Protein backbone atom coordinates (compact mmCIF):
# COMPACT_ATOMS: atom_id res chain seq x y z
CA UNK A 1 2.49 -3.53 -21.79
CA UNK A 2 0.58 -6.73 -21.05
CA UNK A 3 -2.50 -6.86 -18.87
CA UNK A 4 -1.02 -10.00 -17.25
CA UNK A 5 0.96 -7.62 -15.00
CA UNK A 6 -2.25 -6.94 -13.12
CA UNK A 7 -2.33 -10.51 -11.87
CA UNK A 8 0.69 -9.77 -9.68
CA UNK A 9 -1.40 -7.39 -7.51
CA UNK A 10 -2.89 -10.13 -5.24
CA UNK A 11 0.56 -11.65 -4.64
CA UNK A 12 1.57 -9.18 -1.93
CA UNK A 13 -1.58 -9.28 0.23
CA UNK A 14 -2.05 -13.03 -0.18
CA UNK A 15 1.57 -13.67 0.77
CA UNK A 16 1.28 -11.51 3.86
CA UNK A 17 -2.00 -13.17 4.81
CA UNK A 18 -0.51 -16.65 4.41
CA UNK A 19 2.48 -15.81 6.64
CA UNK A 20 0.14 -14.42 9.33
CA UNK A 21 -2.18 -17.41 9.27
CA UNK A 22 0.70 -19.90 9.29
CA UNK A 23 2.62 -18.30 12.17
CA UNK A 24 2.39 -14.59 13.05
CA UNK A 25 4.91 -14.68 15.89
CA UNK A 26 7.49 -16.61 13.84
CA UNK A 27 7.79 -13.83 11.21
CA UNK A 28 7.25 -10.74 13.43
CA UNK A 29 10.95 -9.87 13.62
CA UNK A 30 11.45 -10.18 9.90
CA UNK A 31 8.36 -8.01 9.41
CA UNK A 32 10.08 -5.03 11.05
CA UNK A 33 12.94 -5.27 8.53
CA UNK A 34 10.55 -5.69 5.62
CA UNK A 35 8.54 -2.71 6.88
CA UNK A 36 11.62 -0.52 6.72
CA UNK A 37 12.33 -1.77 3.23
CA UNK A 38 8.70 -1.24 2.11
CA UNK A 39 8.51 2.25 3.60
CA UNK A 40 11.76 3.31 1.92
CA UNK A 41 10.70 1.82 -1.41
CA UNK A 42 7.31 3.49 -1.31
CA UNK A 43 8.88 6.86 -0.46
CA UNK A 44 11.44 6.34 -3.25
CA UNK A 45 8.91 5.66 -6.00
CA UNK A 46 6.69 8.52 -4.74
CA UNK A 47 9.53 11.04 -4.96
CA UNK A 48 11.32 9.65 -8.01
CA UNK A 49 8.43 8.52 -10.21
CA UNK A 50 4.91 9.48 -9.10
CA UNK A 51 5.48 13.12 -8.13
CA UNK A 52 7.44 13.95 -11.34
CA UNK A 53 4.63 12.26 -13.32
CA UNK A 54 1.85 14.15 -11.59
CA UNK A 55 3.54 17.56 -11.69
CA UNK A 56 4.78 17.68 -15.28
CA UNK A 57 2.87 20.96 -15.52
CA UNK A 58 2.11 23.41 -12.72
CA UNK A 59 -1.32 22.90 -11.20
CA UNK A 60 -2.02 24.10 -7.62
CA UNK A 61 -5.13 21.95 -7.47
CA UNK A 62 -2.93 18.86 -7.71
CA UNK A 63 -0.97 20.12 -4.70
CA UNK A 64 -4.24 20.53 -2.86
CA UNK A 65 -5.17 16.92 -3.65
CA UNK A 66 -1.83 15.75 -2.36
CA UNK A 67 -2.71 17.37 0.94
CA UNK A 68 -6.20 15.91 0.83
CA UNK A 69 -4.75 12.44 0.23
CA UNK A 70 -2.34 12.94 3.14
CA UNK A 71 -5.09 13.91 5.59
CA UNK A 72 -7.52 11.33 4.15
CA UNK A 73 -5.03 8.68 5.24
CA UNK A 74 -4.99 10.19 8.72
CA UNK A 75 -8.82 10.00 8.78
CA UNK A 76 -8.76 6.41 7.51
CA UNK A 77 -6.49 5.43 10.37
CA UNK A 78 -9.30 6.20 12.82
CA UNK A 79 -10.89 2.98 11.56
CA UNK A 80 -7.92 0.95 10.28
CA UNK A 81 -5.87 1.74 13.42
CA UNK A 82 -2.66 2.06 11.38
CA UNK A 83 -2.67 -1.51 10.09
CA UNK A 84 -1.78 -0.30 6.58
CA UNK A 85 1.60 0.65 8.09
CA UNK A 86 2.09 -3.00 8.99
CA UNK A 87 1.77 -2.27 12.70
CA UNK A 88 0.04 -4.84 14.87
CA UNK A 89 -1.96 -3.39 17.76
CA UNK A 90 -3.97 -5.82 19.82
CA UNK A 91 -6.71 -3.68 21.34
CA UNK A 92 -8.90 -4.75 24.21
CA UNK A 93 -12.05 -3.31 22.56
CA UNK A 94 -11.92 -5.93 19.80
CA UNK A 95 -14.25 -8.81 20.72
CA UNK A 96 -13.15 -12.36 20.19
CA UNK A 97 -14.68 -14.11 17.15
CA UNK A 98 -16.35 -10.87 15.96
CA UNK A 99 -15.08 -9.47 12.63
CA UNK A 100 -14.10 -5.81 13.16
CA UNK A 101 -16.00 -4.42 10.15
CA UNK A 102 -14.50 -0.88 10.44
CA UNK A 103 -10.92 -2.20 10.23
CA UNK A 104 -11.57 -4.64 7.37
CA UNK A 105 -13.64 -2.10 5.40
CA UNK A 106 -11.14 0.75 5.79
CA UNK A 107 -8.24 -1.53 4.82
CA UNK A 108 -10.13 -2.73 1.77
CA UNK A 109 -10.92 0.87 0.74
CA UNK A 110 -7.21 1.73 1.18
CA UNK A 111 -6.19 -1.17 -1.07
CA UNK A 112 -8.84 -0.28 -3.71
CA UNK A 113 -7.65 3.33 -3.73
CA UNK A 114 -4.03 2.22 -4.32
CA UNK A 115 -4.97 0.06 -7.32
CA UNK A 116 -7.29 2.57 -9.01
CA UNK A 117 -4.61 4.73 -10.74
CA UNK A 118 -2.92 1.64 -12.21
CA UNK A 119 -5.68 1.22 -14.80
CA UNK A 120 -5.14 4.71 -16.23
CA UNK A 121 -1.34 4.24 -16.30
CA UNK A 122 -1.77 0.92 -18.09
CA UNK A 123 -4.18 2.31 -20.71
CA UNK A 124 -1.78 5.20 -21.37
CA UNK A 125 1.20 2.85 -21.50
CA UNK A 126 2.86 4.97 -18.86
CA UNK A 127 6.11 3.58 -17.45
CA UNK A 128 5.18 4.74 -13.98
CA UNK A 129 2.84 1.74 -14.03
CA UNK A 130 5.64 -0.58 -13.08
CA UNK A 131 7.03 1.34 -10.15
CA UNK A 132 3.53 1.83 -8.71
CA UNK A 133 2.65 -1.85 -9.30
CA UNK A 134 5.71 -3.10 -7.42
CA UNK A 135 5.21 -0.47 -4.71
CA UNK A 136 1.67 -1.70 -4.03
CA UNK A 137 2.75 -5.36 -4.00
CA UNK A 138 5.62 -4.72 -1.57
CA UNK A 139 3.53 -2.45 0.68
CA UNK A 140 0.67 -4.93 0.90
CA UNK A 141 2.77 -7.76 2.34
CA UNK A 142 3.19 -6.19 5.80
CA UNK A 143 -0.23 -4.54 5.67
CA UNK A 144 -1.99 -7.88 5.05
CA UNK A 145 0.27 -9.58 7.60
CA UNK A 146 -0.78 -7.11 10.28
CA UNK A 147 -4.48 -7.30 9.40
CA UNK A 148 -4.61 -11.08 9.46
CA UNK A 149 -2.49 -11.26 12.59
CA UNK A 150 -5.03 -9.14 14.44
CA UNK A 151 -7.95 -11.15 13.09
CA UNK A 152 -6.19 -14.35 14.07
CA UNK A 153 -5.55 -12.88 17.54
CA UNK A 154 -9.26 -12.37 18.15
CA UNK A 155 -9.78 -16.05 17.36
CA UNK A 156 -11.65 -15.86 14.10
CA UNK A 157 -12.18 -19.21 12.41
CA UNK A 158 -9.75 -20.31 9.68
CA UNK A 159 -12.56 -20.13 7.13
CA UNK A 160 -13.23 -16.49 8.05
CA UNK A 161 -9.50 -15.68 7.91
CA UNK A 162 -9.17 -17.21 4.45
CA UNK A 163 -12.29 -15.50 3.11
CA UNK A 164 -11.15 -12.08 4.41
CA UNK A 165 -7.67 -12.61 3.03
CA UNK A 166 -9.13 -13.39 -0.42
CA UNK A 167 -11.44 -10.40 -0.39
CA UNK A 168 -8.69 -8.03 0.76
CA UNK A 169 -6.13 -9.65 -1.56
CA UNK A 170 -8.15 -8.77 -4.68
CA UNK A 171 -9.22 -5.20 -3.75
CA UNK A 172 -6.27 -3.49 -5.49
CA UNK A 173 -6.91 -5.63 -8.58
CA UNK A 174 -10.59 -4.67 -8.44
CA UNK A 175 -9.67 -0.99 -8.26
CA UNK A 176 -7.36 -1.29 -11.22
CA UNK A 177 -10.02 -3.16 -13.24
CA UNK A 178 -12.66 -0.48 -12.52
CA UNK A 179 -10.13 2.13 -13.58
CA UNK A 180 -9.51 0.43 -16.91
CA UNK A 181 -13.28 0.18 -17.50
CA UNK A 182 -13.92 3.84 -16.65
CA UNK A 183 -10.90 5.22 -18.53
CA UNK A 184 -12.79 5.38 -21.83
CA UNK A 185 -15.59 7.54 -20.47
CA UNK A 186 -13.86 9.74 -17.86
CA UNK A 187 -11.68 12.73 -18.57
CA UNK A 188 -7.95 11.92 -18.33
CA UNK A 189 -7.50 14.93 -16.06
CA UNK A 190 -9.55 13.18 -13.41
CA UNK A 191 -7.01 10.39 -13.22
CA UNK A 192 -4.18 12.91 -12.92
CA UNK A 193 -5.94 14.46 -9.92
CA UNK A 194 -6.63 11.06 -8.43
CA UNK A 195 -2.97 10.18 -8.80
CA UNK A 196 -2.11 13.35 -6.88
CA UNK A 197 -4.49 12.12 -4.14
CA UNK A 198 -2.74 8.73 -4.07
CA UNK A 199 0.65 10.47 -3.84
CA UNK A 200 -0.58 12.18 -0.66
CA UNK A 201 -1.61 8.84 0.87
CA UNK A 202 1.74 7.28 -0.11
CA UNK A 203 3.66 10.15 1.44
CA UNK A 204 1.83 9.69 4.76
CA UNK A 205 2.15 5.91 4.77
CA UNK A 206 5.85 5.76 3.83
CA UNK A 207 6.98 8.50 6.18
CA UNK A 208 4.95 7.07 9.04
CA UNK A 209 6.44 3.64 8.47
CA UNK A 210 10.00 5.04 8.54
CA UNK A 211 9.30 7.24 11.56
CA UNK A 212 7.45 4.68 13.70
CA UNK A 213 9.74 1.85 12.66
CA UNK A 214 12.76 3.56 14.22
CA UNK A 215 13.69 3.43 17.87
CA UNK A 216 14.54 6.88 19.30
CA UNK A 217 14.84 8.09 15.66
CA UNK A 218 17.74 5.71 15.03
CA UNK A 219 17.89 2.65 12.76
CA UNK A 220 19.71 -0.50 13.63
CA UNK A 221 22.27 -1.73 11.14
CA UNK A 222 19.84 -4.24 9.66
CA UNK A 223 17.06 -1.68 9.26
CA UNK A 224 19.45 0.86 7.73
CA UNK A 225 20.46 -1.73 5.14
CA UNK A 226 16.78 -2.42 4.45
CA UNK A 227 16.09 1.29 3.99
CA UNK A 228 19.05 1.82 1.64
CA UNK A 229 18.04 -1.29 -0.30
CA UNK A 230 14.47 -0.03 -0.63
CA UNK A 231 15.59 3.41 -1.86
CA UNK A 232 18.12 1.84 -4.24
CA UNK A 233 15.61 -0.54 -5.86
CA UNK A 234 13.08 2.28 -6.14
CA UNK A 235 15.68 4.43 -7.93
CA UNK A 236 16.64 1.59 -10.31
CA UNK A 237 13.01 0.86 -11.22
CA UNK A 238 11.90 4.49 -11.46
CA UNK A 239 14.88 5.76 -13.43
CA UNK A 240 15.39 2.57 -15.39
CA UNK A 241 11.90 2.36 -16.80
CA UNK A 242 11.98 6.09 -17.69
CA UNK A 243 15.39 5.98 -19.36
């Protein structure tokens, strides 16, 4: 399992940032379809790969951490305003040309948290590494698109937009690198518990994307295809790498 796989982590957020900076309105319709795909894929790998990995043995504390991760994501949304779901909300309280520190910081923390378990999975040569890696990449495209679209909407300079996109783009990679560094000195059980925490955040994000991305709880034909495609690819990756 080569460490070069880690270099794919910035691809998702940097791609989403580029599309937002280039033309946010032009890609907004396609974003809704990609959101449905990303939400379904994230839910698929959580149920098919991450949860079986975390709960190989019974441990009620892991279940507690899943709940904590779920509600931590709710708390984080007080500051991120749901941007990690790929939803763009232009709020009047955001001042033009002023970087919303709370939103950028909470989104960066969210991305760092996602990347952290990857280091432990890589060190242990765990095949769940691949499904989580691709899940983060896919999820970060709409998340970064939404973040940069909002920052662009409050008229930040292009230099500020590029700098923020670079910082945010490498947060998951930074989390994974810290995880690899700490793996030698921290008990492996800690990473199992942290993975349970991440499972909780993924469950909240994926289900929220699917719920909020549907109109009157119904999917259009295009979105239904995107959901089925996301679940299908998640199943192929999760089951295929574990076969």
